[in-house]
Amino acid sequence: MDLNKGVPVSIHLKTEVNQNDEQEEFLFDIKGQVIKMGDTLYIRYKEEQEDGSAPVSVTMKIFPDGAVQITRAGEMHVRLRFVYHEQFETNYQTPYGTIFLVLIQEIYILA
């Protein structure tokens, strides 16, 4: 298995959204690819949309220091960076306008 050339993988993705004391959970089983460039690991996949619109390209970039950057590119575009105990600010572009986000990673779970 040569990660430098890319390896097909099966991905089980669980996302939890907590907002206003409500929680939603989303589960995805999808095919993707893992590739290593230098010391950085990339996981790439396309996320199908429930409404039938075009799939969203997702790239998870895992840095040697443990930081993780997630980029979602489609009708809605966002780049999120997670670094333990650090704050990150970004804009989330949606069809309805831009949302300003502040991310603070307080826990680190890799499963």
N, C-alpha and C. Protein backbone atom coordinates (compact mmCIF):
# COMPACT_ATOMS: atom_id res chain seq x y z
N MET A 1 0.85 -1.18 0.00
CA MET A 1 0.00 0.00 0.00
C MET A 1 0.90 1.24 0.00
N ASP A 2 0.81 2.04 -1.04
CA ASP A 2 1.64 3.24 -1.18
C ASP A 2 0.77 4.48 -1.04
N LEU A 3 0.80 5.09 0.15
CA LEU A 3 -0.01 6.28 0.40
C LEU A 3 0.39 7.46 -0.47
N ASN A 4 1.61 7.45 -0.97
CA ASN A 4 2.06 8.55 -1.83
C ASN A 4 1.34 8.56 -3.18
N LYS A 5 0.82 7.41 -3.59
CA LYS A 5 0.08 7.31 -4.85
C LYS A 5 -1.42 7.37 -4.64
N GLY A 6 -1.86 7.28 -3.41
CA GLY A 6 -3.29 7.30 -3.10
C GLY A 6 -3.84 5.90 -2.94
N VAL A 7 -4.66 5.72 -1.94
CA VAL A 7 -5.25 4.42 -1.64
C VAL A 7 -6.76 4.60 -1.47
N PRO A 8 -7.57 3.79 -2.18
CA PRO A 8 -9.02 3.88 -1.97
C PRO A 8 -9.38 3.36 -0.58
N VAL A 9 -10.34 4.05 0.07
CA VAL A 9 -10.76 3.67 1.42
C VAL A 9 -12.27 3.76 1.54
N SER A 10 -12.81 3.02 2.52
CA SER A 10 -14.21 3.15 2.92
C SER A 10 -14.23 4.02 4.17
N ILE A 11 -15.13 4.99 4.20
CA ILE A 11 -15.18 5.96 5.29
C ILE A 11 -16.53 5.86 5.97
N HIS A 12 -16.52 5.73 7.30
CA HIS A 12 -17.74 5.81 8.11
C HIS A 12 -17.65 7.12 8.87
N LEU A 13 -18.51 8.06 8.53
CA LEU A 13 -18.42 9.40 9.07
C LEU A 13 -19.66 9.70 9.91
N LYS A 14 -19.43 10.15 11.13
CA LYS A 14 -20.52 10.54 12.03
C LYS A 14 -20.33 12.00 12.39
N THR A 15 -21.37 12.79 12.15
CA THR A 15 -21.33 14.22 12.46
C THR A 15 -22.47 14.52 13.42
N GLU A 16 -22.16 15.24 14.48
CA GLU A 16 -23.18 15.69 15.43
C GLU A 16 -23.23 17.21 15.41
N VAL A 17 -24.44 17.75 15.31
CA VAL A 17 -24.64 19.19 15.33
C VAL A 17 -25.47 19.52 16.55
N ASN A 18 -24.93 20.35 17.43
CA ASN A 18 -25.63 20.79 18.63
C ASN A 18 -25.92 22.28 18.50
N GLN A 19 -27.21 22.63 18.59
CA GLN A 19 -27.59 24.02 18.44
C GLN A 19 -28.88 24.26 19.22
N ASN A 20 -28.88 25.28 20.06
CA ASN A 20 -30.06 25.65 20.84
C ASN A 20 -30.66 24.46 21.57
N ASP A 21 -29.84 23.71 22.28
CA ASP A 21 -30.27 22.55 23.06
C ASP A 21 -30.88 21.44 22.22
N GLU A 22 -30.65 21.46 20.92
CA GLU A 22 -31.11 20.39 20.03
C GLU A 22 -29.89 19.73 19.40
N GLN A 23 -30.01 18.42 19.18
CA GLN A 23 -28.89 17.69 18.60
C GLN A 23 -29.38 16.91 17.38
N GLU A 24 -28.60 17.00 16.30
CA GLU A 24 -28.85 16.21 15.10
C GLU A 24 -27.62 15.36 14.83
N GLU A 25 -27.85 14.15 14.35
CA GLU A 25 -26.75 13.25 14.04
C GLU A 25 -26.87 12.81 12.59
N PHE A 26 -25.75 12.84 11.90
CA PHE A 26 -25.71 12.43 10.50
C PHE A 26 -24.67 11.33 10.34
N LEU A 27 -25.04 10.24 9.66
CA LEU A 27 -24.12 9.12 9.42
C LEU A 27 -23.95 8.93 7.92
N PHE A 28 -22.70 8.75 7.51
CA PHE A 28 -22.39 8.54 6.10
C PHE A 28 -21.44 7.36 5.97
N ASP A 29 -21.69 6.48 5.01
CA ASP A 29 -20.76 5.43 4.61
C ASP A 29 -20.43 5.70 3.15
N ILE A 30 -19.20 6.12 2.91
CA ILE A 30 -18.82 6.59 1.58
C ILE A 30 -17.45 6.05 1.19
N LYS A 31 -17.16 6.14 -0.08
CA LYS A 31 -15.84 5.76 -0.61
C LYS A 31 -15.01 7.03 -0.77
N GLY A 32 -13.73 6.90 -0.52
CA GLY A 32 -12.84 8.04 -0.65
C GLY A 32 -11.43 7.59 -0.98
N GLN A 33 -10.49 8.48 -0.76
CA GLN A 33 -9.10 8.20 -1.06
C GLN A 33 -8.22 8.85 0.01
N VAL A 34 -7.17 8.13 0.41
CA VAL A 34 -6.16 8.67 1.32
C VAL A 34 -4.88 8.82 0.52
N ILE A 35 -4.25 9.97 0.66
CA ILE A 35 -2.97 10.20 -0.02
C ILE A 35 -2.05 10.97 0.92
N LYS A 36 -0.77 10.65 0.86
CA LYS A 36 0.22 11.33 1.69
C LYS A 36 1.10 12.18 0.80
N MET A 37 1.21 13.47 1.15
CA MET A 37 2.10 14.39 0.44
C MET A 37 3.04 14.99 1.47
N GLY A 38 4.30 14.64 1.36
CA GLY A 38 5.25 15.07 2.39
C GLY A 38 4.88 14.42 3.71
N ASP A 39 4.75 15.22 4.75
CA ASP A 39 4.36 14.71 6.06
C ASP A 39 2.87 14.88 6.33
N THR A 40 2.12 15.34 5.34
CA THR A 40 0.70 15.64 5.52
C THR A 40 -0.16 14.56 4.88
N LEU A 41 -1.21 14.16 5.59
CA LEU A 41 -2.13 13.13 5.13
C LEU A 41 -3.43 13.80 4.67
N TYR A 42 -3.93 13.38 3.51
CA TYR A 42 -5.17 13.92 2.96
C TYR A 42 -6.19 12.80 2.84
N ILE A 43 -7.42 13.08 3.25
CA ILE A 43 -8.54 12.17 3.03
C ILE A 43 -9.54 12.94 2.18
N ARG A 44 -9.87 12.38 1.01
CA ARG A 44 -10.77 13.08 0.08
C ARG A 44 -11.96 12.19 -0.24
N TYR A 45 -13.12 12.84 -0.31
CA TYR A 45 -14.33 12.12 -0.69
C TYR A 45 -15.38 13.11 -1.17
N LYS A 46 -16.42 12.57 -1.79
CA LYS A 46 -17.56 13.38 -2.23
C LYS A 46 -18.75 13.01 -1.35
N GLU A 47 -19.40 14.04 -0.83
CA GLU A 47 -20.54 13.85 0.06
C GLU A 47 -21.82 14.10 -0.73
N GLU A 48 -22.63 13.06 -0.87
CA GLU A 48 -23.90 13.19 -1.58
C GLU A 48 -24.85 14.04 -0.74
N GLN A 49 -25.70 14.81 -1.41
CA GLN A 49 -26.64 15.69 -0.72
C GLN A 49 -28.03 15.05 -0.70
N GLU A 50 -28.71 15.19 0.43
CA GLU A 50 -30.04 14.58 0.58
C GLU A 50 -31.05 15.16 -0.40
N ASP A 51 -30.87 16.42 -0.79
CA ASP A 51 -31.83 17.06 -1.68
C ASP A 51 -31.56 16.77 -3.16
N GLY A 52 -30.54 15.94 -3.44
CA GLY A 52 -30.24 15.56 -4.81
C GLY A 52 -29.37 16.56 -5.56
N SER A 53 -28.96 17.63 -4.90
CA SER A 53 -28.08 18.60 -5.56
C SER A 53 -26.69 18.00 -5.74
N ALA A 54 -25.82 18.73 -6.40
CA ALA A 54 -24.48 18.23 -6.73
C ALA A 54 -23.72 17.83 -5.47
N PRO A 55 -22.94 16.75 -5.55
CA PRO A 55 -22.14 16.32 -4.39
C PRO A 55 -21.15 17.41 -3.98
N VAL A 56 -20.79 17.39 -2.71
CA VAL A 56 -19.83 18.34 -2.15
C VAL A 56 -18.48 17.64 -2.02
N SER A 57 -17.43 18.26 -2.55
CA SER A 57 -16.08 17.71 -2.40
C SER A 57 -15.55 18.08 -1.03
N VAL A 58 -15.07 17.08 -0.30
CA VAL A 58 -14.55 17.30 1.04
C VAL A 58 -13.10 16.81 1.09
N THR A 59 -12.23 17.64 1.65
CA THR A 59 -10.84 17.27 1.87
C THR A 59 -10.52 17.48 3.34
N MET A 60 -10.04 16.43 3.99
CA MET A 60 -9.54 16.52 5.36
C MET A 60 -8.02 16.46 5.28
N LYS A 61 -7.38 17.48 5.79
CA LYS A 61 -5.92 17.58 5.75
C LYS A 61 -5.42 17.42 7.18
N ILE A 62 -4.62 16.38 7.42
CA ILE A 62 -4.13 16.08 8.77
C ILE A 62 -2.64 16.39 8.80
N PHE A 63 -2.29 17.39 9.59
CA PHE A 63 -0.91 17.87 9.68
C PHE A 63 -0.11 17.05 10.68
N PRO A 64 1.21 17.03 10.55
CA PRO A 64 2.05 16.25 11.47
C PRO A 64 1.88 16.63 12.94
N ASP A 65 1.52 17.90 13.22
CA ASP A 65 1.35 18.34 14.61
C ASP A 65 -0.02 17.98 15.18
N GLY A 66 -0.87 17.29 14.38
CA GLY A 66 -2.19 16.88 14.85
C GLY A 66 -3.31 17.83 14.47
N ALA A 67 -2.98 18.99 13.92
CA ALA A 67 -4.01 19.92 13.46
C ALA A 67 -4.76 19.29 12.28
N VAL A 68 -6.04 19.61 12.17
CA VAL A 68 -6.88 19.07 11.10
C VAL A 68 -7.58 20.23 10.41
N GLN A 69 -7.54 20.23 9.09
CA GLN A 69 -8.26 21.23 8.31
C GLN A 69 -9.26 20.51 7.43
N ILE A 70 -10.52 20.95 7.46
CA ILE A 70 -11.57 20.37 6.64
C ILE A 70 -12.04 21.43 5.66
N THR A 71 -12.00 21.10 4.37
CA THR A 71 -12.47 22.02 3.34
C THR A 71 -13.64 21.36 2.63
N ARG A 72 -14.76 22.08 2.58
CA ARG A 72 -15.95 21.63 1.85
C ARG A 72 -16.16 22.60 0.71
N ALA A 73 -16.17 22.08 -0.52
CA ALA A 73 -16.30 22.93 -1.70
C ALA A 73 -17.50 22.47 -2.52
N GLY A 74 -18.44 23.35 -2.66
CA GLY A 74 -19.64 23.08 -3.43
C GLY A 74 -20.45 24.36 -3.45
N GLU A 75 -21.78 24.22 -3.44
CA GLU A 75 -22.63 25.41 -3.39
C GLU A 75 -22.34 26.21 -2.12
N MET A 76 -22.04 25.49 -1.05
CA MET A 76 -21.62 26.13 0.20
C MET A 76 -20.15 25.80 0.39
N HIS A 77 -19.34 26.80 0.66
CA HIS A 77 -17.90 26.60 0.80
C HIS A 77 -17.46 27.00 2.20
N VAL A 78 -16.64 26.16 2.80
CA VAL A 78 -16.10 26.50 4.12
C VAL A 78 -14.77 25.79 4.32
N ARG A 79 -13.88 26.45 5.04
CA ARG A 79 -12.61 25.85 5.45
C ARG A 79 -12.55 25.97 6.97
N LEU A 80 -12.48 24.82 7.63
CA LEU A 80 -12.44 24.77 9.09
C LEU A 80 -11.10 24.22 9.53
N ARG A 81 -10.52 24.83 10.53
CA ARG A 81 -9.22 24.36 11.04
C ARG A 81 -9.38 24.08 12.53
N PHE A 82 -8.96 22.89 12.92
CA PHE A 82 -9.07 22.46 14.31
C PHE A 82 -7.68 22.23 14.88
N VAL A 83 -7.33 23.03 15.87
CA VAL A 83 -6.06 22.90 16.58
C VAL A 83 -6.41 22.91 18.05
N TYR A 84 -5.97 21.90 18.77
CA TYR A 84 -6.31 21.75 20.19
C TYR A 84 -6.00 23.02 20.97
N HIS A 85 -7.02 23.53 21.64
CA HIS A 85 -6.96 24.72 22.50
C HIS A 85 -6.62 26.01 21.74
N GLU A 86 -6.91 26.07 20.47
CA GLU A 86 -6.70 27.30 19.71
C GLU A 86 -8.02 27.75 19.09
N GLN A 87 -8.12 29.05 18.84
CA GLN A 87 -9.31 29.64 18.24
C GLN A 87 -9.05 29.89 16.76
N PHE A 88 -10.05 29.62 15.93
CA PHE A 88 -9.94 29.82 14.49
C PHE A 88 -11.20 30.53 14.01
N GLU A 89 -11.03 31.57 13.21
CA GLU A 89 -12.17 32.32 12.66
C GLU A 89 -12.23 32.08 11.15
N THR A 90 -13.46 31.93 10.64
CA THR A 90 -13.63 31.70 9.21
C THR A 90 -15.01 32.18 8.77
N ASN A 91 -15.20 32.28 7.47
CA ASN A 91 -16.50 32.60 6.90
C ASN A 91 -17.07 31.36 6.23
N TYR A 92 -18.36 31.12 6.43
CA TYR A 92 -19.06 29.99 5.83
C TYR A 92 -19.98 30.56 4.77
N GLN A 93 -19.65 30.33 3.50
CA GLN A 93 -20.43 30.88 2.40
C GLN A 93 -21.59 29.94 2.07
N THR A 94 -22.81 30.45 2.18
CA THR A 94 -24.01 29.67 1.88
C THR A 94 -24.80 30.40 0.79
N PRO A 95 -25.80 29.74 0.20
CA PRO A 95 -26.64 30.42 -0.80
C PRO A 95 -27.42 31.59 -0.19
N TYR A 96 -27.53 31.62 1.13
CA TYR A 96 -28.32 32.65 1.81
C TYR A 96 -27.47 33.79 2.34
N GLY A 97 -26.15 33.69 2.17
CA GLY A 97 -25.25 34.72 2.67
C GLY A 97 -24.07 34.09 3.38
N THR A 98 -23.23 34.93 3.93
CA THR A 98 -22.02 34.48 4.60
C THR A 98 -22.23 34.49 6.11
N ILE A 99 -21.81 33.40 6.76
CA ILE A 99 -21.91 33.28 8.21
C ILE A 99 -20.49 33.30 8.77
N PHE A 100 -20.26 34.15 9.75
CA PHE A 100 -18.96 34.23 10.41
C PHE A 100 -18.92 33.19 11.53
N LEU A 101 -17.89 32.35 11.56
CA LEU A 101 -17.76 31.30 12.57
C LEU A 101 -16.49 31.49 13.37
N VAL A 102 -16.58 31.18 14.66
CA VAL A 102 -15.41 31.10 15.53
C VAL A 102 -15.37 29.68 16.07
N LEU A 103 -14.27 28.96 15.84
CA LEU A 103 -14.12 27.58 16.29
C LEU A 103 -13.09 27.53 17.39
N ILE A 104 -13.45 26.85 18.48
CA ILE A 104 -12.51 26.60 19.56
C ILE A 104 -12.56 25.12 19.86
N GLN A 105 -11.46 24.43 19.66
CA GLN A 105 -11.42 22.99 19.91
C GLN A 105 -11.01 22.75 21.35
N GLU A 106 -11.94 22.18 22.13
CA GLU A 106 -11.66 21.93 23.54
C GLU A 106 -11.36 20.48 23.83
N ILE A 107 -11.81 19.59 22.94
CA ILE A 107 -11.51 18.16 23.13
C ILE A 107 -10.90 17.63 21.84
N TYR A 108 -10.21 16.53 21.97
CA TYR A 108 -9.54 15.92 20.82
C TYR A 108 -9.83 14.43 20.87
N ILE A 109 -10.64 13.95 19.94
CA ILE A 109 -10.99 12.53 19.91
C ILE A 109 -10.69 12.01 18.51
N LEU A 110 -9.91 10.98 18.44
CA LEU A 110 -9.62 10.33 17.16
C LEU A 110 -10.01 8.87 17.31
N ALA A 111 -11.02 8.46 16.55
CA ALA A 111 -11.49 7.08 16.67
C ALA A 111 -11.55 6.43 15.31
